[in-house]
N, C-alpha and C. Protein backbone atom coordinates (compact mmCIF):
# COMPACT_ATOMS: atom_id res chain seq x y z
N MET A 1 4.88 -1.20 -0.35
CA MET A 1 4.42 -1.92 -1.50
C MET A 1 3.67 -3.18 -1.11
N GLY A 2 3.94 -3.70 0.09
CA GLY A 2 3.25 -4.89 0.53
C GLY A 2 3.81 -5.44 1.82
N LYS A 3 3.42 -6.70 2.10
CA LYS A 3 3.80 -7.36 3.34
C LYS A 3 4.09 -8.82 3.04
N VAL A 4 5.17 -9.36 3.63
CA VAL A 4 5.45 -10.78 3.53
C VAL A 4 4.48 -11.50 4.46
N LEU A 5 3.75 -12.47 3.93
CA LEU A 5 2.84 -13.24 4.76
C LEU A 5 3.55 -14.41 5.42
N ARG A 6 4.29 -15.19 4.58
CA ARG A 6 5.00 -16.35 5.12
C ARG A 6 5.95 -16.89 4.06
N PRO A 7 6.92 -17.72 4.50
CA PRO A 7 7.76 -18.42 3.52
C PRO A 7 6.90 -19.39 2.71
N HIS A 8 7.37 -19.72 1.51
CA HIS A 8 6.62 -20.63 0.63
C HIS A 8 7.61 -21.54 -0.08
N GLY A 9 7.37 -22.83 -0.04
CA GLY A 9 8.23 -23.76 -0.75
C GLY A 9 9.56 -23.95 -0.05
N LEU A 10 10.46 -24.64 -0.72
CA LEU A 10 11.75 -24.99 -0.13
C LEU A 10 12.90 -24.10 -0.58
N ARG A 11 12.71 -23.27 -1.61
CA ARG A 11 13.82 -22.51 -2.19
C ARG A 11 13.89 -21.08 -1.72
N GLY A 12 13.30 -20.74 -0.62
CA GLY A 12 13.38 -19.37 -0.14
C GLY A 12 12.39 -18.45 -0.81
N GLN A 13 11.29 -19.00 -1.26
CA GLN A 13 10.23 -18.17 -1.84
C GLN A 13 9.39 -17.57 -0.71
N LEU A 14 8.74 -16.45 -1.02
CA LEU A 14 7.89 -15.78 -0.05
C LEU A 14 6.50 -15.61 -0.62
N LYS A 15 5.49 -15.88 0.20
CA LYS A 15 4.12 -15.54 -0.19
C LYS A 15 3.87 -14.15 0.37
N ILE A 16 3.43 -13.26 -0.50
CA ILE A 16 3.26 -11.87 -0.08
C ILE A 16 1.88 -11.34 -0.42
N SER A 17 1.48 -10.35 0.33
CA SER A 17 0.30 -9.56 0.04
C SER A 17 0.83 -8.23 -0.45
N ALA A 18 0.38 -7.79 -1.62
CA ALA A 18 0.97 -6.58 -2.20
C ALA A 18 -0.10 -5.60 -2.64
N TYR A 19 0.29 -4.34 -2.65
CA TYR A 19 -0.59 -3.30 -3.16
C TYR A 19 -0.54 -3.25 -4.68
N ALA A 20 0.47 -3.88 -5.26
CA ALA A 20 0.63 -3.87 -6.71
C ALA A 20 -0.51 -4.62 -7.37
N ARG A 21 -0.93 -4.14 -8.52
CA ARG A 21 -2.04 -4.76 -9.24
C ARG A 21 -1.58 -5.79 -10.26
N SER A 22 -0.26 -5.89 -10.50
CA SER A 22 0.19 -6.86 -11.50
C SER A 22 1.59 -7.37 -11.17
N ASP A 23 1.92 -8.53 -11.72
CA ASP A 23 3.25 -9.11 -11.56
C ASP A 23 4.31 -8.19 -12.13
N ALA A 24 3.96 -7.42 -13.16
CA ALA A 24 4.91 -6.56 -13.85
C ALA A 24 5.58 -5.59 -12.89
N THR A 25 4.88 -5.17 -11.84
CA THR A 25 5.47 -4.26 -10.87
C THR A 25 6.69 -4.89 -10.22
N PHE A 26 6.59 -6.16 -9.85
CA PHE A 26 7.72 -6.84 -9.22
C PHE A 26 8.82 -7.11 -10.22
N LEU A 27 8.47 -7.59 -11.39
CA LEU A 27 9.47 -7.94 -12.38
C LEU A 27 10.21 -6.71 -12.90
N ARG A 28 9.52 -5.60 -13.00
CA ARG A 28 10.14 -4.36 -13.45
C ARG A 28 11.11 -3.81 -12.41
N ALA A 29 10.82 -4.10 -11.14
CA ALA A 29 11.63 -3.56 -10.06
C ALA A 29 13.03 -4.16 -10.02
N ASP A 30 13.20 -5.39 -10.43
CA ASP A 30 14.48 -6.10 -10.35
C ASP A 30 14.90 -6.39 -8.91
N THR A 31 14.77 -5.41 -8.04
CA THR A 31 15.11 -5.62 -6.63
C THR A 31 13.98 -5.08 -5.76
N ILE A 32 13.90 -5.63 -4.55
CA ILE A 32 12.99 -5.11 -3.53
C ILE A 32 13.77 -5.00 -2.23
N PHE A 33 13.23 -4.25 -1.31
CA PHE A 33 13.79 -4.13 0.02
C PHE A 33 12.80 -4.76 0.99
N LEU A 34 13.33 -5.53 1.94
CA LEU A 34 12.50 -6.08 3.00
C LEU A 34 12.93 -5.44 4.31
N ARG A 35 11.95 -4.93 5.06
CA ARG A 35 12.22 -4.36 6.38
C ARG A 35 11.73 -5.38 7.41
N ASP A 36 12.65 -6.01 8.12
CA ASP A 36 12.28 -7.06 9.06
C ASP A 36 11.70 -6.46 10.35
N ARG A 37 11.37 -7.33 11.29
CA ARG A 37 10.72 -6.90 12.54
C ARG A 37 11.58 -5.96 13.37
N THR A 38 12.90 -6.02 13.18
CA THR A 38 13.80 -5.14 13.94
C THR A 38 13.96 -3.78 13.28
N GLY A 39 13.43 -3.64 12.05
CA GLY A 39 13.56 -2.39 11.32
C GLY A 39 14.70 -2.38 10.31
N LYS A 40 15.49 -3.46 10.29
CA LYS A 40 16.61 -3.55 9.36
C LYS A 40 16.10 -3.70 7.94
N LEU A 41 16.67 -2.91 7.03
CA LEU A 41 16.28 -2.90 5.62
C LEU A 41 17.35 -3.61 4.81
N THR A 42 16.93 -4.64 4.02
CA THR A 42 17.87 -5.41 3.21
C THR A 42 17.36 -5.48 1.78
N GLU A 43 18.27 -5.27 0.82
CA GLU A 43 17.90 -5.33 -0.60
C GLU A 43 18.07 -6.74 -1.14
N PHE A 44 17.10 -7.19 -1.97
CA PHE A 44 17.12 -8.51 -2.57
C PHE A 44 16.85 -8.41 -4.06
N THR A 45 17.42 -9.35 -4.82
CA THR A 45 17.19 -9.43 -6.26
C THR A 45 16.03 -10.39 -6.53
N ILE A 46 15.08 -9.95 -7.34
CA ILE A 46 13.92 -10.78 -7.66
C ILE A 46 14.30 -11.76 -8.76
N ALA A 47 14.15 -13.05 -8.46
CA ALA A 47 14.41 -14.10 -9.46
C ALA A 47 13.15 -14.39 -10.25
N SER A 48 12.00 -14.38 -9.57
CA SER A 48 10.73 -14.61 -10.25
C SER A 48 9.59 -14.11 -9.38
N ALA A 49 8.47 -13.84 -10.03
CA ALA A 49 7.25 -13.42 -9.32
C ALA A 49 6.06 -13.92 -10.11
N ARG A 50 5.08 -14.46 -9.39
CA ARG A 50 3.86 -14.90 -10.06
C ARG A 50 2.68 -14.66 -9.13
N SER A 51 1.54 -14.43 -9.73
CA SER A 51 0.35 -14.16 -8.93
C SER A 51 -0.31 -15.47 -8.52
N MET A 52 -0.99 -15.40 -7.40
CA MET A 52 -1.80 -16.50 -6.89
C MET A 52 -3.15 -15.92 -6.53
N LYS A 53 -4.06 -16.78 -6.15
CA LYS A 53 -5.41 -16.35 -5.81
C LYS A 53 -5.42 -15.26 -4.74
N SER A 54 -4.58 -15.40 -3.73
CA SER A 54 -4.63 -14.45 -2.63
C SER A 54 -3.28 -13.75 -2.41
N GLY A 55 -2.62 -13.36 -3.48
CA GLY A 55 -1.35 -12.65 -3.34
C GLY A 55 -0.37 -13.05 -4.41
N TYR A 56 0.89 -13.06 -4.06
CA TYR A 56 1.97 -13.35 -5.00
C TYR A 56 2.97 -14.29 -4.35
N ILE A 57 3.68 -15.04 -5.19
CA ILE A 57 4.84 -15.80 -4.76
C ILE A 57 6.04 -15.14 -5.42
N VAL A 58 6.99 -14.71 -4.59
CA VAL A 58 8.19 -14.04 -5.08
C VAL A 58 9.40 -14.87 -4.64
N GLU A 59 10.26 -15.17 -5.61
CA GLU A 59 11.50 -15.87 -5.30
C GLU A 59 12.63 -14.86 -5.37
N LEU A 60 13.44 -14.83 -4.32
CA LEU A 60 14.55 -13.90 -4.23
C LEU A 60 15.87 -14.66 -4.31
N GLU A 61 16.78 -14.17 -5.13
CA GLU A 61 18.05 -14.87 -5.37
C GLU A 61 18.84 -15.12 -4.09
N GLU A 62 18.81 -14.18 -3.16
CA GLU A 62 19.64 -14.29 -1.96
C GLU A 62 19.05 -15.22 -0.89
N LEU A 63 17.82 -15.64 -1.06
CA LEU A 63 17.21 -16.57 -0.11
C LEU A 63 17.21 -17.96 -0.72
N SER A 64 17.91 -18.90 -0.07
CA SER A 64 18.06 -20.22 -0.66
C SER A 64 17.36 -21.33 0.12
N SER A 65 16.79 -20.99 1.27
CA SER A 65 16.14 -22.03 2.07
C SER A 65 14.92 -21.47 2.78
N LEU A 66 14.12 -22.38 3.28
CA LEU A 66 12.95 -22.01 4.07
C LEU A 66 13.38 -21.27 5.34
N THR A 67 14.50 -21.68 5.91
CA THR A 67 15.02 -21.02 7.11
C THR A 67 15.40 -19.58 6.81
N ASP A 68 16.07 -19.34 5.68
CA ASP A 68 16.42 -17.96 5.28
C ASP A 68 15.15 -17.12 5.13
N ALA A 69 14.15 -17.68 4.47
CA ALA A 69 12.91 -16.95 4.19
C ALA A 69 12.13 -16.67 5.47
N GLU A 70 12.18 -17.57 6.42
CA GLU A 70 11.42 -17.41 7.67
C GLU A 70 11.80 -16.14 8.42
N ARG A 71 13.04 -15.69 8.28
CA ARG A 71 13.48 -14.45 8.95
C ARG A 71 12.69 -13.22 8.50
N TYR A 72 12.06 -13.33 7.33
CA TYR A 72 11.36 -12.17 6.77
C TYR A 72 9.83 -12.28 6.85
N ARG A 73 9.34 -13.23 7.65
CA ARG A 73 7.90 -13.32 7.88
C ARG A 73 7.42 -11.98 8.45
N ASP A 74 6.32 -11.45 7.92
CA ASP A 74 5.72 -10.17 8.34
C ASP A 74 6.56 -8.94 7.99
N ALA A 75 7.58 -9.10 7.15
CA ALA A 75 8.41 -7.95 6.75
C ALA A 75 7.63 -7.02 5.82
N ASP A 76 7.94 -5.75 5.89
CA ASP A 76 7.39 -4.78 4.94
C ASP A 76 8.19 -4.87 3.66
N ILE A 77 7.51 -4.69 2.52
CA ILE A 77 8.16 -4.73 1.22
C ILE A 77 8.19 -3.32 0.64
N LEU A 78 9.36 -2.89 0.19
CA LEU A 78 9.52 -1.57 -0.40
C LEU A 78 10.24 -1.69 -1.73
N VAL A 79 10.00 -0.74 -2.62
CA VAL A 79 10.73 -0.67 -3.89
C VAL A 79 11.19 0.77 -4.10
N ARG A 80 12.15 0.93 -4.97
CA ARG A 80 12.60 2.29 -5.33
C ARG A 80 11.49 2.97 -6.14
N LYS A 81 11.33 4.26 -5.94
CA LYS A 81 10.29 5.00 -6.65
C LYS A 81 10.43 4.88 -8.17
N ASN A 82 11.65 4.87 -8.67
CA ASN A 82 11.85 4.82 -10.12
C ASN A 82 11.50 3.45 -10.70
N ALA A 83 11.25 2.45 -9.84
CA ALA A 83 10.86 1.12 -10.31
C ALA A 83 9.34 1.00 -10.45
N LEU A 84 8.61 1.99 -9.96
CA LEU A 84 7.16 1.94 -10.05
C LEU A 84 6.71 2.25 -11.48
N PRO A 85 5.60 1.64 -11.90
CA PRO A 85 5.11 1.92 -13.26
C PRO A 85 4.57 3.34 -13.35
N ARG A 86 4.47 3.84 -14.58
CA ARG A 86 3.90 5.18 -14.78
C ARG A 86 2.46 5.19 -14.31
N LYS A 87 2.03 6.36 -13.84
CA LYS A 87 0.66 6.52 -13.36
C LYS A 87 -0.21 7.10 -14.47
N GLU A 88 -1.47 6.75 -14.40
CA GLU A 88 -2.47 7.38 -15.26
C GLU A 88 -2.92 8.67 -14.58
N GLU A 89 -3.63 9.51 -15.33
CA GLU A 89 -4.20 10.72 -14.74
C GLU A 89 -5.17 10.30 -13.66
N ASP A 90 -5.24 11.03 -12.56
CA ASP A 90 -6.09 10.71 -11.42
C ASP A 90 -5.72 9.40 -10.74
N GLU A 91 -4.47 9.00 -10.85
CA GLU A 91 -3.98 7.80 -10.18
C GLU A 91 -2.81 8.22 -9.30
N TYR A 92 -2.80 7.70 -8.07
CA TYR A 92 -1.78 8.11 -7.11
C TYR A 92 -1.20 6.88 -6.42
N PHE A 93 0.06 6.98 -6.04
CA PHE A 93 0.68 5.95 -5.23
C PHE A 93 0.34 6.21 -3.78
N TRP A 94 0.29 5.14 -3.02
CA TRP A 94 -0.06 5.28 -1.60
C TRP A 94 0.89 6.22 -0.88
N TYR A 95 2.18 6.15 -1.17
CA TYR A 95 3.13 7.00 -0.46
C TYR A 95 2.82 8.48 -0.70
N GLU A 96 2.17 8.80 -1.81
CA GLU A 96 1.81 10.18 -2.10
C GLU A 96 0.59 10.63 -1.29
N LEU A 97 -0.29 9.69 -0.97
CA LEU A 97 -1.54 10.02 -0.28
C LEU A 97 -1.41 10.00 1.24
N LEU A 98 -0.59 9.09 1.75
CA LEU A 98 -0.43 9.01 3.20
C LEU A 98 0.08 10.33 3.76
N GLY A 99 -0.61 10.84 4.77
CA GLY A 99 -0.23 12.11 5.38
C GLY A 99 -0.95 13.32 4.82
N LEU A 100 -1.65 13.17 3.67
CA LEU A 100 -2.40 14.31 3.14
C LEU A 100 -3.44 14.76 4.15
N ASP A 101 -3.64 16.08 4.26
CA ASP A 101 -4.70 16.63 5.09
C ASP A 101 -6.00 16.59 4.31
N VAL A 102 -7.07 16.10 4.94
CA VAL A 102 -8.35 15.93 4.27
C VAL A 102 -9.34 16.97 4.77
N PHE A 103 -10.00 17.60 3.80
CA PHE A 103 -10.98 18.66 4.09
C PHE A 103 -12.30 18.35 3.40
N LEU A 104 -13.39 18.80 4.01
CA LEU A 104 -14.68 18.79 3.32
C LEU A 104 -14.70 19.95 2.34
N GLU A 105 -15.59 19.91 1.37
CA GLU A 105 -15.70 21.02 0.42
C GLU A 105 -16.03 22.33 1.12
N SER A 106 -16.66 22.26 2.29
CA SER A 106 -17.00 23.45 3.06
C SER A 106 -15.78 24.09 3.70
N GLY A 107 -14.64 23.37 3.68
CA GLY A 107 -13.42 23.87 4.29
C GLY A 107 -13.12 23.25 5.64
N GLU A 108 -14.06 22.49 6.20
CA GLU A 108 -13.84 21.85 7.50
C GLU A 108 -12.74 20.82 7.40
N TYR A 109 -11.80 20.91 8.35
CA TYR A 109 -10.66 19.98 8.38
C TYR A 109 -11.07 18.69 9.07
N LEU A 110 -10.80 17.55 8.43
CA LEU A 110 -11.14 16.25 9.01
C LEU A 110 -9.95 15.58 9.68
N GLY A 111 -8.77 15.73 9.10
CA GLY A 111 -7.58 15.09 9.65
C GLY A 111 -6.71 14.54 8.53
N PRO A 112 -5.57 13.96 8.90
CA PRO A 112 -4.66 13.40 7.89
C PRO A 112 -5.02 11.95 7.54
N ILE A 113 -4.61 11.53 6.34
CA ILE A 113 -4.75 10.12 5.96
C ILE A 113 -3.64 9.37 6.70
N SER A 114 -4.06 8.46 7.58
CA SER A 114 -3.08 7.72 8.39
C SER A 114 -2.83 6.31 7.88
N ASP A 115 -3.75 5.80 7.06
CA ASP A 115 -3.60 4.44 6.54
C ASP A 115 -4.48 4.31 5.30
N ILE A 116 -4.21 3.30 4.51
CA ILE A 116 -5.02 3.00 3.33
C ILE A 116 -5.30 1.51 3.34
N ILE A 117 -6.55 1.16 3.13
CA ILE A 117 -6.97 -0.24 3.10
C ILE A 117 -7.33 -0.60 1.67
N ALA A 118 -6.68 -1.62 1.14
CA ALA A 118 -6.99 -2.08 -0.22
C ALA A 118 -8.23 -2.97 -0.18
N THR A 119 -9.15 -2.73 -1.08
CA THR A 119 -10.31 -3.60 -1.24
C THR A 119 -10.40 -4.00 -2.71
N GLY A 120 -11.30 -4.86 -3.02
CA GLY A 120 -11.43 -5.31 -4.40
C GLY A 120 -11.82 -4.23 -5.37
N SER A 121 -12.63 -3.28 -4.94
CA SER A 121 -13.14 -2.29 -5.89
C SER A 121 -12.45 -0.93 -5.79
N ASN A 122 -12.21 -0.45 -4.58
CA ASN A 122 -11.54 0.84 -4.39
C ASN A 122 -10.83 0.84 -3.05
N ASP A 123 -9.86 1.72 -2.91
CA ASP A 123 -9.16 1.85 -1.64
C ASP A 123 -10.05 2.58 -0.64
N ILE A 124 -9.78 2.33 0.64
CA ILE A 124 -10.45 3.04 1.72
C ILE A 124 -9.38 3.86 2.44
N TYR A 125 -9.62 5.16 2.58
CA TYR A 125 -8.67 6.04 3.26
C TYR A 125 -9.08 6.15 4.72
N VAL A 126 -8.12 5.90 5.61
CA VAL A 126 -8.35 6.01 7.04
C VAL A 126 -7.89 7.40 7.45
N ILE A 127 -8.84 8.20 7.94
CA ILE A 127 -8.57 9.58 8.33
C ILE A 127 -8.52 9.63 9.85
N LYS A 128 -7.39 10.05 10.39
CA LYS A 128 -7.23 10.17 11.84
C LYS A 128 -7.92 11.45 12.28
N ARG A 129 -8.92 11.31 13.16
CA ARG A 129 -9.67 12.48 13.63
C ARG A 129 -9.72 12.43 15.15
N GLY A 130 -8.73 13.06 15.77
CA GLY A 130 -8.63 13.00 17.23
C GLY A 130 -8.33 11.57 17.64
N LYS A 131 -9.19 11.04 18.53
CA LYS A 131 -9.01 9.66 18.99
C LYS A 131 -9.77 8.66 18.13
N SER A 132 -10.52 9.16 17.17
CA SER A 132 -11.30 8.26 16.31
C SER A 132 -10.76 8.28 14.89
N GLU A 133 -11.34 7.45 14.06
CA GLU A 133 -10.93 7.36 12.66
C GLU A 133 -12.18 7.39 11.78
N LEU A 134 -12.04 7.98 10.62
CA LEU A 134 -13.08 7.96 9.60
C LEU A 134 -12.61 7.09 8.46
N LEU A 135 -13.50 6.30 7.89
CA LEU A 135 -13.18 5.46 6.74
C LEU A 135 -13.86 6.06 5.52
N ILE A 136 -13.07 6.52 4.57
CA ILE A 136 -13.57 7.23 3.40
C ILE A 136 -13.23 6.44 2.14
N PRO A 137 -14.25 6.06 1.36
CA PRO A 137 -13.97 5.34 0.10
C PRO A 137 -13.23 6.24 -0.89
N GLY A 138 -12.24 5.67 -1.54
CA GLY A 138 -11.47 6.41 -2.54
C GLY A 138 -12.13 6.34 -3.90
N THR A 139 -13.30 6.96 -4.04
CA THR A 139 -14.05 6.95 -5.31
C THR A 139 -14.17 8.36 -5.85
N HIS A 140 -14.41 8.47 -7.15
CA HIS A 140 -14.58 9.80 -7.77
C HIS A 140 -15.80 10.52 -7.22
N GLU A 141 -16.78 9.78 -6.75
CA GLU A 141 -17.98 10.38 -6.17
C GLU A 141 -17.65 11.14 -4.88
N ILE A 142 -16.69 10.62 -4.12
CA ILE A 142 -16.33 11.21 -2.82
C ILE A 142 -15.12 12.14 -2.93
N ILE A 143 -14.06 11.69 -3.59
CA ILE A 143 -12.81 12.45 -3.67
C ILE A 143 -12.94 13.47 -4.81
N LYS A 144 -12.93 14.74 -4.45
CA LYS A 144 -13.14 15.79 -5.45
C LYS A 144 -11.86 16.44 -5.94
N ASN A 145 -10.83 16.47 -5.10
CA ASN A 145 -9.58 17.10 -5.52
C ASN A 145 -8.43 16.58 -4.66
N ILE A 146 -7.31 16.32 -5.33
CA ILE A 146 -6.08 15.95 -4.63
C ILE A 146 -5.01 16.92 -5.11
N ASP A 147 -4.42 17.64 -4.15
CA ASP A 147 -3.38 18.60 -4.45
C ASP A 147 -2.12 18.17 -3.71
N LEU A 148 -1.27 17.43 -4.40
CA LEU A 148 -0.06 16.91 -3.76
C LEU A 148 0.90 18.02 -3.35
N GLU A 149 0.98 19.07 -4.14
CA GLU A 149 1.90 20.18 -3.81
C GLU A 149 1.53 20.84 -2.49
N ARG A 150 0.23 20.97 -2.23
CA ARG A 150 -0.22 21.60 -0.99
C ARG A 150 -0.52 20.57 0.11
N GLY A 151 -0.44 19.30 -0.23
CA GLY A 151 -0.67 18.25 0.77
C GLY A 151 -2.12 18.15 1.21
N LYS A 152 -3.06 18.37 0.26
CA LYS A 152 -4.48 18.41 0.62
C LYS A 152 -5.33 17.49 -0.26
N MET A 153 -6.37 16.98 0.35
CA MET A 153 -7.41 16.24 -0.37
C MET A 153 -8.75 16.86 0.02
N MET A 154 -9.60 17.09 -0.98
CA MET A 154 -10.93 17.64 -0.75
C MET A 154 -11.94 16.55 -1.03
N ILE A 155 -12.90 16.36 -0.08
CA ILE A 155 -13.92 15.33 -0.29
C ILE A 155 -15.32 15.91 -0.23
N HIS A 156 -16.23 15.21 -0.86
CA HIS A 156 -17.66 15.52 -0.82
C HIS A 156 -18.36 14.28 -0.26
N PRO A 157 -18.66 14.29 1.04
CA PRO A 157 -19.26 13.09 1.62
C PRO A 157 -20.72 12.94 1.23
N ILE A 158 -21.11 11.72 0.90
CA ILE A 158 -22.52 11.46 0.66
C ILE A 158 -23.23 11.43 2.01
N ASP A 159 -24.52 11.58 2.01
CA ASP A 159 -25.29 11.64 3.25
C ASP A 159 -24.97 10.45 4.16
N GLY A 160 -24.64 10.74 5.41
CA GLY A 160 -24.39 9.72 6.41
C GLY A 160 -22.99 9.12 6.41
N LEU A 161 -22.17 9.47 5.44
CA LEU A 161 -20.84 8.86 5.34
C LEU A 161 -20.00 9.10 6.58
N LEU A 162 -19.97 10.32 7.05
CA LEU A 162 -19.11 10.64 8.19
C LEU A 162 -19.63 10.03 9.49
N ASP A 163 -20.93 9.83 9.61
CA ASP A 163 -21.49 9.21 10.81
C ASP A 163 -21.35 7.70 10.76
N LEU A 164 -21.57 7.12 9.59
CA LEU A 164 -21.56 5.67 9.45
C LEU A 164 -20.19 5.05 9.66
N HIS A 165 -19.16 5.71 9.18
CA HIS A 165 -17.84 5.09 9.16
C HIS A 165 -16.91 5.56 10.26
N GLU A 166 -17.44 6.25 11.24
CA GLU A 166 -16.58 6.68 12.34
C GLU A 166 -16.43 5.52 13.30
N ILE A 167 -15.18 5.20 13.65
CA ILE A 167 -14.93 4.09 14.59
C ILE A 167 -14.10 4.57 15.76
């Protein structure tokens, strides 16, 4: 769901970068899980959440000091699936897309989605292709079909897309 950037303030607040598009996602969740650098997963109760220009400030009941909060710098943020808001048609959660096998409309296999990059306008899907990666915009122009049951995504690349974005 996101990443802790750093502690904020004196009361154990955290500044976070999140995939969520609104504060309601955090407030609806009631609790979040933080996975620290060692991999340990701990559940916390959300006391408050508010948006800022470059992320969110989340206050957790169990964190009472800057020292407590510092332990969770760079932690991964997770929520229970049932705490996520309902999806619209043609809307997917990242956990549903990660690992999907990506194919061209011709049937050529490109590789699995290994990462997703959030941008202001649309997500970018990182497709692992051997030792290289392809960056595919998550737009209706490019993404033609997503079949979660079969674990497949079908794309229609515009001219030069596969050559331009290979890194």
